[in-house]
């Protein structure tokens, strides 16, 4: 039941729906900005998260909220163990989320983050 679902491209393996739901639950964050961005990212994935994306997101979710937000807003770049293809792919996708929105609605580096 927990077997990965293979898409048409034989090099990409998607996680199953149960695994997707677990990572979706883990993505709930205390920092509102992170919560909103991660929720939007996963909604756009529509249940289709590659194993590479899953592993990258799981690594990012191990970080404290403020460190995660710094990576998303490009205040910092991933270092050491976070320099993996999965982490970089997820960060790039999250960073592009606001590109279709007017600049007044984007979360930018200049906006302060709330610390709870």
PDB file of N, CA and C in Angstrom:
ATOM      1  N   UNK A   1       0.817  -1.203   0.000  1.00  0.00           N
ATOM      2  CA  UNK A   1       0.000   0.000   0.000  1.00  0.00           C
ATOM      3  C   UNK A   1       0.862   1.269   0.000  1.00  0.00           C
ATOM      4  N   UNK A   2       2.014   1.244   0.631  1.00  0.00           N
ATOM      5  CA  UNK A   2       2.882   2.410   0.696  1.00  0.00           C
ATOM      6  C   UNK A   2       3.939   2.403  -0.387  1.00  0.00           C
ATOM      7  N   UNK A   3       3.690   1.722  -1.492  1.00  0.00           N
ATOM      8  CA  UNK A   3       4.648   1.680  -2.584  1.00  0.00           C
ATOM      9  C   UNK A   3       4.602   2.989  -3.357  1.00  0.00           C
ATOM     10  N   UNK A   4       5.781   3.486  -3.769  1.00  0.00           N
ATOM     11  CA  UNK A   4       5.798   4.700  -4.581  1.00  0.00           C
ATOM     12  C   UNK A   4       5.053   4.490  -5.895  1.00  0.00           C
ATOM     13  N   UNK A   5       4.445   5.540  -6.377  1.00  0.00           N
ATOM     14  CA  UNK A   5       3.720   5.501  -7.640  1.00  0.00           C
ATOM     15  C   UNK A   5       4.681   5.927  -8.733  1.00  0.00           C
ATOM     16  N   UNK A   6       4.816   5.107  -9.783  1.00  0.00           N
ATOM     17  CA  UNK A   6       5.736   5.438 -10.865  1.00  0.00           C
ATOM     18  C   UNK A   6       5.006   6.206 -11.959  1.00  0.00           C
ATOM     19  N   UNK A   7       5.509   7.386 -12.315  1.00  0.00           N
ATOM     20  CA  UNK A   7       4.910   8.171 -13.385  1.00  0.00           C
ATOM     21  C   UNK A   7       5.398   7.689 -14.741  1.00  0.00           C
ATOM     22  N   UNK A   8       4.994   8.391 -15.803  1.00  0.00           N
ATOM     23  CA  UNK A   8       5.413   8.037 -17.147  1.00  0.00           C
ATOM     24  C   UNK A   8       6.915   8.150 -17.327  1.00  0.00           C
ATOM     25  N   UNK A   9       7.537   9.157 -16.732  1.00  0.00           N
ATOM     26  CA  UNK A   9       8.981   9.308 -16.807  1.00  0.00           C
ATOM     27  C   UNK A   9       9.605   8.305 -15.842  1.00  0.00           C
ATOM     28  N   UNK A  10      10.354   7.323 -16.347  1.00  0.00           N
ATOM     29  CA  UNK A  10      10.868   6.266 -15.479  1.00  0.00           C
ATOM     30  C   UNK A  10      11.900   6.745 -14.455  1.00  0.00           C
ATOM     31  N   UNK A  11      12.444   7.949 -14.641  1.00  0.00           N
ATOM     32  CA  UNK A  11      13.447   8.436 -13.701  1.00  0.00           C
ATOM     33  C   UNK A  11      12.841   9.168 -12.505  1.00  0.00           C
ATOM     34  N   UNK A  12      11.540   9.484 -12.555  1.00  0.00           N
ATOM     35  CA  UNK A  12      10.885  10.202 -11.469  1.00  0.00           C
ATOM     36  C   UNK A  12       9.934   9.247 -10.755  1.00  0.00           C
ATOM     37  N   UNK A  13      10.070   9.206  -9.433  1.00  0.00           N
ATOM     38  CA  UNK A  13       9.190   8.368  -8.615  1.00  0.00           C
ATOM     39  C   UNK A  13       8.418   9.285  -7.683  1.00  0.00           C
ATOM     40  N   UNK A  14       7.085   9.153  -7.689  1.00  0.00           N
ATOM     41  CA  UNK A  14       6.240   9.951  -6.813  1.00  0.00           C
ATOM     42  C   UNK A  14       5.926   9.169  -5.542  1.00  0.00           C
ATOM     43  N   UNK A  15       5.789   9.897  -4.446  1.00  0.00           N
ATOM     44  CA  UNK A  15       5.390   9.252  -3.194  1.00  0.00           C
ATOM     45  C   UNK A  15       3.889   8.963  -3.251  1.00  0.00           C
ATOM     46  N   UNK A  16       3.449   7.984  -2.475  1.00  0.00           N
ATOM     47  CA  UNK A  16       2.023   7.651  -2.475  1.00  0.00           C
ATOM     48  C   UNK A  16       1.229   8.679  -1.664  1.00  0.00           C
ATOM     49  N   UNK A  17      -0.094   8.566  -1.705  1.00  0.00           N
ATOM     50  CA  UNK A  17      -0.956   9.571  -1.078  1.00  0.00           C
ATOM     51  C   UNK A  17      -0.786   9.621   0.444  1.00  0.00           C
ATOM     52  N   UNK A  18      -0.538   8.488   1.072  1.00  0.00           N
ATOM     53  CA  UNK A  18      -0.345   8.479   2.527  1.00  0.00           C
ATOM     54  C   UNK A  18       0.931   9.231   2.909  1.00  0.00           C
ATOM     55  N   UNK A  19       1.980   9.000   2.163  1.00  0.00           N
ATOM     56  CA  UNK A  19       3.252   9.691   2.407  1.00  0.00           C
ATOM     57  C   UNK A  19       3.085  11.193   2.163  1.00  0.00           C
ATOM     58  N   UNK A  20       2.329  11.545   1.128  1.00  0.00           N
ATOM     59  CA  UNK A  20       2.067  12.956   0.842  1.00  0.00           C
ATOM     60  C   UNK A  20       1.312  13.599   2.003  1.00  0.00           C
ATOM     61  N   UNK A  21       0.295  12.918   2.519  1.00  0.00           N
ATOM     62  CA  UNK A  21      -0.475  13.467   3.652  1.00  0.00           C
ATOM     63  C   UNK A  21       0.390  13.655   4.895  1.00  0.00           C
ATOM     64  N   UNK A  22       1.319  12.726   5.127  1.00  0.00           N
ATOM     65  CA  UNK A  22       2.199  12.854   6.302  1.00  0.00           C
ATOM     66  C   UNK A  22       3.109  14.075   6.173  1.00  0.00           C
ATOM     67  N   UNK A  23       3.700  14.282   5.007  1.00  0.00           N
ATOM     68  CA  UNK A  23       4.590  15.434   4.841  1.00  0.00           C
ATOM     69  C   UNK A  23       3.779  16.725   4.861  1.00  0.00           C
ATOM     70  N   UNK A  24       2.547  16.650   4.372  1.00  0.00           N
ATOM     71  CA  UNK A  24       1.661  17.815   4.416  1.00  0.00           C
ATOM     72  C   UNK A  24       1.372  18.189   5.871  1.00  0.00           C
ATOM     73  N   UNK A  25       1.127  17.226   6.705  1.00  0.00           N
ATOM     74  CA  UNK A  25       0.868  17.477   8.125  1.00  0.00           C
ATOM     75  C   UNK A  25       2.122  18.041   8.803  1.00  0.00           C
ATOM     76  N   UNK A  26       3.286  17.480   8.485  1.00  0.00           N
ATOM     77  CA  UNK A  26       4.547  17.964   9.067  1.00  0.00           C
ATOM     78  C   UNK A  26       4.851  19.386   8.634  1.00  0.00           C
ATOM     79  N   UNK A  27       4.278  19.824   7.522  1.00  0.00           N
ATOM     80  CA  UNK A  27       4.564  21.164   6.987  1.00  0.00           C
ATOM     81  C   UNK A  27       3.833  22.265   7.729  1.00  0.00           C
ATOM     82  N   UNK A  28       2.944  21.910   8.619  1.00  0.00           N
ATOM     83  CA  UNK A  28       2.255  22.929   9.424  1.00  0.00           C
ATOM     84  C   UNK A  28       3.271  23.567  10.346  1.00  0.00           C
ATOM     85  N   UNK A  29       3.414  24.873  10.267  1.00  0.00           N
ATOM     86  CA  UNK A  29       4.453  25.568  11.000  1.00  0.00           C
ATOM     87  C   UNK A  29       3.867  26.607  11.946  1.00  0.00           C
ATOM     88  N   UNK A  30       4.653  26.993  12.940  1.00  0.00           N
ATOM     89  CA  UNK A  30       4.250  28.027  13.883  1.00  0.00           C
ATOM     90  C   UNK A  30       4.382  29.427  13.305  1.00  0.00           C
ATOM     91  N   UNK A  31       5.305  29.601  12.378  1.00  0.00           N
ATOM     92  CA  UNK A  31       5.524  30.893  11.742  1.00  0.00           C
ATOM     93  C   UNK A  31       4.575  31.001  10.548  1.00  0.00           C
ATOM     94  N   UNK A  32       3.686  31.963  10.581  1.00  0.00           N
ATOM     95  CA  UNK A  32       2.622  32.082   9.581  1.00  0.00           C
ATOM     96  C   UNK A  32       3.164  32.121   8.152  1.00  0.00           C
ATOM     97  N   UNK A  33       4.242  32.861   7.916  1.00  0.00           N
ATOM     98  CA  UNK A  33       4.793  32.963   6.564  1.00  0.00           C
ATOM     99  C   UNK A  33       5.174  31.590   6.027  1.00  0.00           C
ATOM    100  N   UNK A  34       5.859  30.794   6.848  1.00  0.00           N
ATOM    101  CA  UNK A  34       6.240  29.437   6.436  1.00  0.00           C
ATOM    102  C   UNK A  34       5.010  28.583   6.187  1.00  0.00           C
ATOM    103  N   UNK A  35       4.052  28.668   7.092  1.00  0.00           N
ATOM    104  CA  UNK A  35       2.839  27.869   6.968  1.00  0.00           C
ATOM    105  C   UNK A  35       2.121  28.173   5.647  1.00  0.00           C
ATOM    106  N   UNK A  36       1.994  29.446   5.333  1.00  0.00           N
ATOM    107  CA  UNK A  36       1.309  29.838   4.097  1.00  0.00           C
ATOM    108  C   UNK A  36       2.061  29.385   2.852  1.00  0.00           C
ATOM    109  N   UNK A  37       3.368  29.578   2.845  1.00  0.00           N
ATOM    110  CA  UNK A  37       4.167  29.214   1.675  1.00  0.00           C
ATOM    111  C   UNK A  37       4.218  27.702   1.473  1.00  0.00           C
ATOM    112  N   UNK A  38       4.409  26.953   2.540  1.00  0.00           N
ATOM    113  CA  UNK A  38       4.464  25.501   2.418  1.00  0.00           C
ATOM    114  C   UNK A  38       3.105  24.927   2.019  1.00  0.00           C
ATOM    115  N   UNK A  39       2.036  25.491   2.568  1.00  0.00           N
ATOM    116  CA  UNK A  39       0.693  25.047   2.201  1.00  0.00           C
ATOM    117  C   UNK A  39       0.428  25.300   0.724  1.00  0.00           C
ATOM    118  N   UNK A  40       0.800  26.486   0.253  1.00  0.00           N
ATOM    119  CA  UNK A  40       0.599  26.814  -1.160  1.00  0.00           C
ATOM    120  C   UNK A  40       1.428  25.894  -2.060  1.00  0.00           C
ATOM    121  N   UNK A  41       2.667  25.641  -1.683  1.00  0.00           N
ATOM    122  CA  UNK A  41       3.532  24.739  -2.448  1.00  0.00           C
ATOM    123  C   UNK A  41       2.890  23.361  -2.580  1.00  0.00           C
ATOM    124  N   UNK A  42       2.418  22.827  -1.460  1.00  0.00           N
ATOM    125  CA  UNK A  42       1.827  21.485  -1.486  1.00  0.00           C
ATOM    126  C   UNK A  42       0.481  21.458  -2.218  1.00  0.00           C
ATOM    127  N   UNK A  43      -0.283  22.530  -2.131  1.00  0.00           N
ATOM    128  CA  UNK A  43      -1.540  22.592  -2.885  1.00  0.00           C
ATOM    129  C   UNK A  43      -1.276  22.568  -4.382  1.00  0.00           C
ATOM    130  N   UNK A  44      -0.249  23.275  -4.819  1.00  0.00           N
ATOM    131  CA  UNK A  44       0.098  23.274  -6.237  1.00  0.00           C
ATOM    132  C   UNK A  44       0.595  21.907  -6.695  1.00  0.00           C
ATOM    133  N   UNK A  45       1.180  21.147  -5.801  1.00  0.00           N
ATOM    134  CA  UNK A  45       1.652  19.812  -6.146  1.00  0.00           C
ATOM    135  C   UNK A  45       0.474  18.851  -6.336  1.00  0.00           C
ATOM    136  N   UNK A  46      -0.683  19.183  -5.768  1.00  0.00           N
ATOM    137  CA  UNK A  46      -1.912  18.416  -5.950  1.00  0.00           C
ATOM    138  C   UNK A  46      -1.720  16.912  -5.700  1.00  0.00           C
ATOM    139  N   UNK A  47      -1.012  16.594  -4.620  1.00  0.00           N
ATOM    140  CA  UNK A  47      -0.832  15.199  -4.256  1.00  0.00           C
ATOM    141  C   UNK A  47       0.272  14.490  -5.015  1.00  0.00           C
ATOM    142  N   UNK A  48       0.954  15.188  -5.894  1.00  0.00           N
ATOM    143  CA  UNK A  48       2.011  14.572  -6.704  1.00  0.00           C
ATOM    144  C   UNK A  48       3.366  15.162  -6.327  1.00  0.00           C
ATOM    145  N   UNK A  49       3.988  14.561  -5.353  1.00  0.00           N
ATOM    146  CA  UNK A  49       5.278  15.000  -4.854  1.00  0.00           C
ATOM    147  C   UNK A  49       6.301  13.919  -5.190  1.00  0.00           C
ATOM    148  N   UNK A  50       7.352  14.301  -5.893  1.00  0.00           N
ATOM    149  CA  UNK A  50       8.368  13.302  -6.235  1.00  0.00           C
ATOM    150  C   UNK A  50       9.127  12.894  -4.979  1.00  0.00           C
ATOM    151  N   UNK A  51       9.758  11.743  -5.043  1.00  0.00           N
ATOM    152  CA  UNK A  51      10.551  11.282  -3.907  1.00  0.00           C
ATOM    153  C   UNK A  51      11.658  12.280  -3.603  1.00  0.00           C
ATOM    154  N   UNK A  52      12.258  12.854  -4.645  1.00  0.00           N
ATOM    155  CA  UNK A  52      13.318  13.853  -4.470  1.00  0.00           C
ATOM    156  C   UNK A  52      12.782  15.084  -3.735  1.00  0.00           C
ATOM    157  N   UNK A  53      11.598  15.578  -4.152  1.00  0.00           N
ATOM    158  CA  UNK A  53      10.986  16.727  -3.478  1.00  0.00           C
ATOM    159  C   UNK A  53      10.615  16.386  -2.042  1.00  0.00           C
ATOM    160  N   UNK A  54      10.073  15.196  -1.836  1.00  0.00           N
ATOM    161  CA  UNK A  54       9.698  14.755  -0.491  1.00  0.00           C
ATOM    162  C   UNK A  54      10.911  14.766   0.433  1.00  0.00           C
ATOM    163  N   UNK A  55      12.002  14.187  -0.040  1.00  0.00           N
ATOM    164  CA  UNK A  55      13.205  14.114   0.792  1.00  0.00           C
ATOM    165  C   UNK A  55      13.768  15.506   1.073  1.00  0.00           C
ATOM    166  N   UNK A  56      13.742  16.380   0.060  1.00  0.00           N
ATOM    167  CA  UNK A  56      14.218  17.747   0.250  1.00  0.00           C
ATOM    168  C   UNK A  56      13.357  18.512   1.236  1.00  0.00           C
ATOM    169  N   UNK A  57      12.032  18.375   1.104  1.00  0.00           N
ATOM    170  CA  UNK A  57      11.124  19.051   2.027  1.00  0.00           C
ATOM    171  C   UNK A  57      11.291  18.513   3.436  1.00  0.00           C
ATOM    172  N   UNK A  58      11.464  17.209   3.566  1.00  0.00           N
ATOM    173  CA  UNK A  58      11.663  16.614   4.896  1.00  0.00           C
ATOM    174  C   UNK A  58      12.916  17.190   5.558  1.00  0.00           C
ATOM    175  N   UNK A  59      13.981  17.394   4.785  1.00  0.00           N
ATOM    176  CA  UNK A  59      15.195  18.005   5.341  1.00  0.00           C
ATOM    177  C   UNK A  59      14.922  19.435   5.793  1.00  0.00           C
ATOM    178  N   UNK A  60      14.201  20.188   4.979  1.00  0.00           N
ATOM    179  CA  UNK A  60      13.892  21.573   5.332  1.00  0.00           C
ATOM    180  C   UNK A  60      13.027  21.662   6.579  1.00  0.00           C
ATOM    181  N   UNK A  61      12.129  20.707   6.755  1.00  0.00           N
ATOM    182  CA  UNK A  61      11.224  20.736   7.900  1.00  0.00           C
ATOM    183  C   UNK A  61      11.930  20.434   9.219  1.00  0.00           C
ATOM    184  N   UNK A  62      13.159  19.976   9.155  1.00  0.00           N
ATOM    185  CA  UNK A  62      13.944  19.748  10.366  1.00  0.00           C
ATOM    186  C   UNK A  62      14.500  21.060  10.929  1.00  0.00           C
ATOM    187  N   UNK A  63      14.466  22.114  10.121  1.00  0.00           N
ATOM    188  CA  UNK A  63      15.020  23.404  10.532  1.00  0.00           C
ATOM    189  C   UNK A  63      14.054  24.175  11.428  1.00  0.00           C
ATOM    190  N   UNK A  64      14.586  25.027  12.295  1.00  0.00           N
ATOM    191  CA  UNK A  64      13.722  25.958  13.032  1.00  0.00           C
ATOM    192  C   UNK A  64      13.043  26.908  12.041  1.00  0.00           C
ATOM    193  N   UNK A  65      11.892  27.431  12.418  1.00  0.00           N
ATOM    194  CA  UNK A  65      11.098  28.280  11.527  1.00  0.00           C
ATOM    195  C   UNK A  65      11.870  29.455  10.945  1.00  0.00           C
ATOM    196  N   UNK A  66      12.612  30.167  11.777  1.00  0.00           N
ATOM    197  CA  UNK A  66      13.316  31.354  11.279  1.00  0.00           C
ATOM    198  C   UNK A  66      14.410  31.000  10.279  1.00  0.00           C
ATOM    199  N   UNK A  67      15.105  29.888  10.484  1.00  0.00           N
ATOM    200  CA  UNK A  67      16.123  29.454   9.525  1.00  0.00           C
ATOM    201  C   UNK A  67      15.480  29.054   8.202  1.00  0.00           C
ATOM    202  N   UNK A  68      14.339  28.381   8.278  1.00  0.00           N
ATOM    203  CA  UNK A  68      13.620  27.991   7.067  1.00  0.00           C
ATOM    204  C   UNK A  68      13.177  29.227   6.291  1.00  0.00           C
ATOM    205  N   UNK A  69      12.637  30.208   6.968  1.00  0.00           N
ATOM    206  CA  UNK A  69      12.200  31.425   6.301  1.00  0.00           C
ATOM    207  C   UNK A  69      13.382  32.156   5.665  1.00  0.00           C
ATOM    208  N   UNK A  70      14.512  32.191   6.346  1.00  0.00           N
ATOM    209  CA  UNK A  70      15.704  32.824   5.774  1.00  0.00           C
ATOM    210  C   UNK A  70      16.123  32.143   4.470  1.00  0.00           C
ATOM    211  N   UNK A  71      16.011  30.833   4.411  1.00  0.00           N
ATOM    212  CA  UNK A  71      16.336  30.114   3.176  1.00  0.00           C
ATOM    213  C   UNK A  71      15.320  30.421   2.076  1.00  0.00           C
ATOM    214  N   UNK A  72      14.049  30.429   2.433  1.00  0.00           N
ATOM    215  CA  UNK A  72      13.001  30.697   1.447  1.00  0.00           C
ATOM    216  C   UNK A  72      13.151  32.098   0.873  1.00  0.00           C
ATOM    217  N   UNK A  73      13.450  33.074   1.731  1.00  0.00           N
ATOM    218  CA  UNK A  73      13.559  34.464   1.293  1.00  0.00           C
ATOM    219  C   UNK A  73      14.944  34.805   0.738  1.00  0.00           C
ATOM    220  N   UNK A  74      15.792  33.810   0.631  1.00  0.00           N
ATOM    221  CA  UNK A  74      17.148  33.964   0.091  1.00  0.00           C
ATOM    222  C   UNK A  74      18.027  34.887   0.925  1.00  0.00           C
ATOM    223  N   UNK A  75      17.726  34.991   2.192  1.00  0.00           N
ATOM    224  CA  UNK A  75      18.610  35.713   3.114  1.00  0.00           C
ATOM    225  C   UNK A  75      19.849  34.876   3.364  1.00  0.00           C
ATOM    226  N   UNK A  76      19.677  33.563   3.246  1.00  0.00           N
ATOM    227  CA  UNK A  76      20.766  32.602   3.381  1.00  0.00           C
ATOM    228  C   UNK A  76      20.615  31.580   2.272  1.00  0.00           C
ATOM    229  N   UNK A  77      21.700  30.883   1.982  1.00  0.00           N
ATOM    230  CA  UNK A  77      21.671  29.780   1.030  1.00  0.00           C
ATOM    231  C   UNK A  77      21.945  28.491   1.795  1.00  0.00           C
ATOM    232  N   UNK A  78      21.436  27.379   1.291  1.00  0.00           N
ATOM    233  CA  UNK A  78      21.670  26.100   1.969  1.00  0.00           C
ATOM    234  C   UNK A  78      23.168  25.788   2.062  1.00  0.00           C
ATOM    235  N   UNK A  79      23.559  25.253   3.189  1.00  0.00           N
ATOM    236  CA  UNK A  79      24.960  24.904   3.417  1.00  0.00           C
ATOM    237  C   UNK A  79      25.064  23.446   3.833  1.00  0.00           C
ATOM    238  N   UNK A  80      26.222  22.890   3.598  1.00  0.00           N
ATOM    239  CA  UNK A  80      26.589  21.548   4.048  1.00  0.00           C
ATOM    240  C   UNK A  80      25.543  20.501   3.668  1.00  0.00           C
ATOM    241  N   UNK A  81      24.917  19.872   4.659  1.00  0.00           N
ATOM    242  CA  UNK A  81      23.986  18.768   4.410  1.00  0.00           C
ATOM    243  C   UNK A  81      22.725  19.206   3.664  1.00  0.00           C
ATOM    244  N   UNK A  82      22.450  20.511   3.647  1.00  0.00           N
ATOM    245  CA  UNK A  82      21.257  21.002   2.947  1.00  0.00           C
ATOM    246  C   UNK A  82      21.514  21.269   1.463  1.00  0.00           C
ATOM    247  N   UNK A  83      22.713  21.071   0.993  1.00  0.00           N
ATOM    248  CA  UNK A  83      23.016  21.285  -0.416  1.00  0.00           C
ATOM    249  C   UNK A  83      22.750  20.012  -1.206  1.00  0.00           C
ATOM    250  N   UNK A  84      21.485  19.617  -1.217  1.00  0.00           N
ATOM    251  CA  UNK A  84      21.083  18.433  -1.969  1.00  0.00           C
ATOM    252  C   UNK A  84      20.146  18.859  -3.089  1.00  0.00           C
ATOM    253  N   UNK A  85      20.026  18.012  -4.082  1.00  0.00           N
ATOM    254  CA  UNK A  85      19.156  18.320  -5.223  1.00  0.00           C
ATOM    255  C   UNK A  85      17.712  18.522  -4.766  1.00  0.00           C
ATOM    256  N   UNK A  86      17.247  17.715  -3.816  1.00  0.00           N
ATOM    257  CA  UNK A  86      15.871  17.831  -3.337  1.00  0.00           C
ATOM    258  C   UNK A  86      15.605  19.138  -2.628  1.00  0.00           C
ATOM    259  N   UNK A  87      16.506  19.530  -1.741  1.00  0.00           N
ATOM    260  CA  UNK A  87      16.356  20.793  -1.004  1.00  0.00           C
ATOM    261  C   UNK A  87      16.365  21.957  -1.985  1.00  0.00           C
ATOM    262  N   UNK A  88      17.322  21.957  -2.900  1.00  0.00           N
ATOM    263  CA  UNK A  88      17.426  23.058  -3.861  1.00  0.00           C
ATOM    264  C   UNK A  88      16.191  23.141  -4.762  1.00  0.00           C
ATOM    265  N   UNK A  89      15.665  21.994  -5.162  1.00  0.00           N
ATOM    266  CA  UNK A  89      14.474  21.975  -6.012  1.00  0.00           C
ATOM    267  C   UNK A  89      13.254  22.523  -5.274  1.00  0.00           C
ATOM    268  N   UNK A  90      13.069  22.118  -4.031  1.00  0.00           N
ATOM    269  CA  UNK A  90      11.930  22.593  -3.242  1.00  0.00           C
ATOM    270  C   UNK A  90      12.050  24.089  -2.973  1.00  0.00           C
ATOM    271  N   UNK A  91      13.235  24.537  -2.585  1.00  0.00           N
ATOM    272  CA  UNK A  91      13.425  25.962  -2.328  1.00  0.00           C
ATOM    273  C   UNK A  91      13.151  26.795  -3.581  1.00  0.00           C
ATOM    274  N   UNK A  92      13.627  26.346  -4.716  1.00  0.00           N
ATOM    275  CA  UNK A  92      13.392  27.078  -5.962  1.00  0.00           C
ATOM    276  C   UNK A  92      11.895  27.160  -6.265  1.00  0.00           C
ATOM    277  N   UNK A  93      11.192  26.064  -6.076  1.00  0.00           N
ATOM    278  CA  UNK A  93       9.750  26.049  -6.342  1.00  0.00           C
ATOM    279  C   UNK A  93       9.000  26.978  -5.391  1.00  0.00           C
ATOM    280  N   UNK A  94       9.361  26.970  -4.113  1.00  0.00           N
ATOM    281  CA  UNK A  94       8.690  27.835  -3.137  1.00  0.00           C
ATOM    282  C   UNK A  94       9.002  29.298  -3.429  1.00  0.00           C
ATOM    283  N   UNK A  95      10.245  29.578  -3.776  1.00  0.00           N
ATOM    284  CA  UNK A  95      10.642  30.957  -4.076  1.00  0.00           C
ATOM    285  C   UNK A  95       9.912  31.509  -5.297  1.00  0.00           C
ATOM    286  N   UNK A  96       9.523  30.662  -6.213  1.00  0.00           N
ATOM    287  CA  UNK A  96       8.818  31.108  -7.423  1.00  0.00           C
ATOM    288  C   UNK A  96       7.312  31.269  -7.209  1.00  0.00           C
ATOM    289  N   UNK A  97       6.791  30.892  -6.076  1.00  0.00           N
ATOM    290  CA  UNK A  97       5.347  30.926  -5.839  1.00  0.00           C
ATOM    291  C   UNK A  97       4.730  32.290  -6.094  1.00  0.00           C
ATOM    292  N   UNK A  98       5.384  33.351  -5.702  1.00  0.00           N
ATOM    293  CA  UNK A  98       4.812  34.681  -5.802  1.00  0.00           C
ATOM    294  C   UNK A  98       5.061  35.384  -7.116  1.00  0.00           C
ATOM    295  N   UNK A  99       5.714  34.730  -8.067  1.00  0.00           N
ATOM    296  CA  UNK A  99       6.063  35.407  -9.313  1.00  0.00           C
ATOM    297  C   UNK A  99       4.857  35.867 -10.124  1.00  0.00           C
ATOM    298  N   UNK A 100       3.736  35.190  -9.982  1.00  0.00           N
ATOM    299  CA  UNK A 100       2.543  35.559 -10.740  1.00  0.00           C
ATOM    300  C   UNK A 100       1.680  36.591 -10.024  1.00  0.00           C
ATOM    301  N   UNK A 101       2.080  36.957  -8.801  1.00  0.00           N
ATOM    302  CA  UNK A 101       1.300  37.911  -8.025  1.00  0.00           C
ATOM    303  C   UNK A 101       1.880  39.308  -8.175  1.00  0.00           C
ATOM    304  N   UNK A 102       1.049  40.342  -7.980  1.00  0.00           N
ATOM    305  CA  UNK A 102       1.575  41.709  -7.998  1.00  0.00           C
ATOM    306  C   UNK A 102       2.630  41.866  -6.916  1.00  0.00           C
ATOM    307  N   UNK A 103       3.591  42.732  -7.157  1.00  0.00           N
ATOM    308  CA  UNK A 103       4.703  42.882  -6.216  1.00  0.00           C
ATOM    309  C   UNK A 103       4.240  43.290  -4.820  1.00  0.00           C
ATOM    310  N   UNK A 104       3.107  43.970  -4.719  1.00  0.00           N
ATOM    311  CA  UNK A 104       2.618  44.385  -3.399  1.00  0.00           C
ATOM    312  C   UNK A 104       2.143  43.202  -2.562  1.00  0.00           C
ATOM    313  N   UNK A 105       1.875  42.046  -3.203  1.00  0.00           N
ATOM    314  CA  UNK A 105       1.390  40.877  -2.480  1.00  0.00           C
ATOM    315  C   UNK A 105       2.475  39.844  -2.224  1.00  0.00           C
ATOM    316  N   UNK A 106       3.670  40.066  -2.714  1.00  0.00           N
ATOM    317  CA  UNK A 106       4.753  39.100  -2.555  1.00  0.00           C
ATOM    318  C   UNK A 106       5.398  39.247  -1.195  1.00  0.00           C
ATOM    319  N   UNK A 107       5.860  38.120  -0.678  1.00  0.00           N
ATOM    320  CA  UNK A 107       6.649  38.128   0.545  1.00  0.00           C
ATOM    321  C   UNK A 107       8.078  38.385   0.122  1.00  0.00           C
ATOM    322  N   UNK A 108       8.632  39.490   0.541  1.00  0.00           N
ATOM    323  CA  UNK A 108       9.976  39.851   0.087  1.00  0.00           C
ATOM    324  C   UNK A 108      10.952  39.856   1.245  1.00  0.00           C
ATOM    325  N   UNK A 109      12.223  39.972   0.887  1.00  0.00           N
ATOM    326  CA  UNK A 109      13.276  39.970   1.899  1.00  0.00           C
ATOM    327  C   UNK A 109      13.172  41.183   2.818  1.00  0.00           C
ATOM    328  N   UNK A 110      12.627  42.267   2.309  1.00  0.00           N
ATOM    329  CA  UNK A 110      12.586  43.486   3.114  1.00  0.00           C
ATOM    330  C   UNK A 110      11.477  43.473   4.164  1.00  0.00           C
ATOM    331  N   UNK A 111      10.522  42.558   4.020  1.00  0.00           N
ATOM    332  CA  UNK A 111       9.442  42.506   4.993  1.00  0.00           C
ATOM    333  C   UNK A 111       9.904  41.743   6.222  1.00  0.00           C
ATOM    334  N   UNK A 112       9.697  42.281   7.393  1.00  0.00           N
ATOM    335  CA  UNK A 112      10.118  41.563   8.600  1.00  0.00           C
ATOM    336  C   UNK A 112       9.234  40.352   8.836  1.00  0.00           C
ATOM    337  N   UNK A 113       9.812  39.333   9.431  1.00  0.00           N
ATOM    338  CA  UNK A 113       9.019  38.151   9.776  1.00  0.00           C
ATOM    339  C   UNK A 113       8.626  38.239  11.239  1.00  0.00           C
ATOM    340  N   UNK A 114       7.466  37.740  11.531  1.00  0.00           N
ATOM    341  CA  UNK A 114       6.986  37.743  12.905  1.00  0.00           C
ATOM    342  C   UNK A 114       7.547  36.536  13.621  1.00  0.00           C
ATOM    343  N   UNK A 115       8.005  36.717  14.820  1.00  0.00           N
ATOM    344  CA  UNK A 115       8.506  35.605  15.612  1.00  0.00           C
ATOM    345  C   UNK A 115       7.500  35.369  16.728  1.00  0.00           C
ATOM    346  N   UNK A 116       7.047  34.142  16.777  1.00  0.00           N
ATOM    347  CA  UNK A 116       6.031  33.804  17.781  1.00  0.00           C
ATOM    348  C   UNK A 116       6.697  33.164  18.969  1.00  0.00           C
TER     349      UNK A 116
END
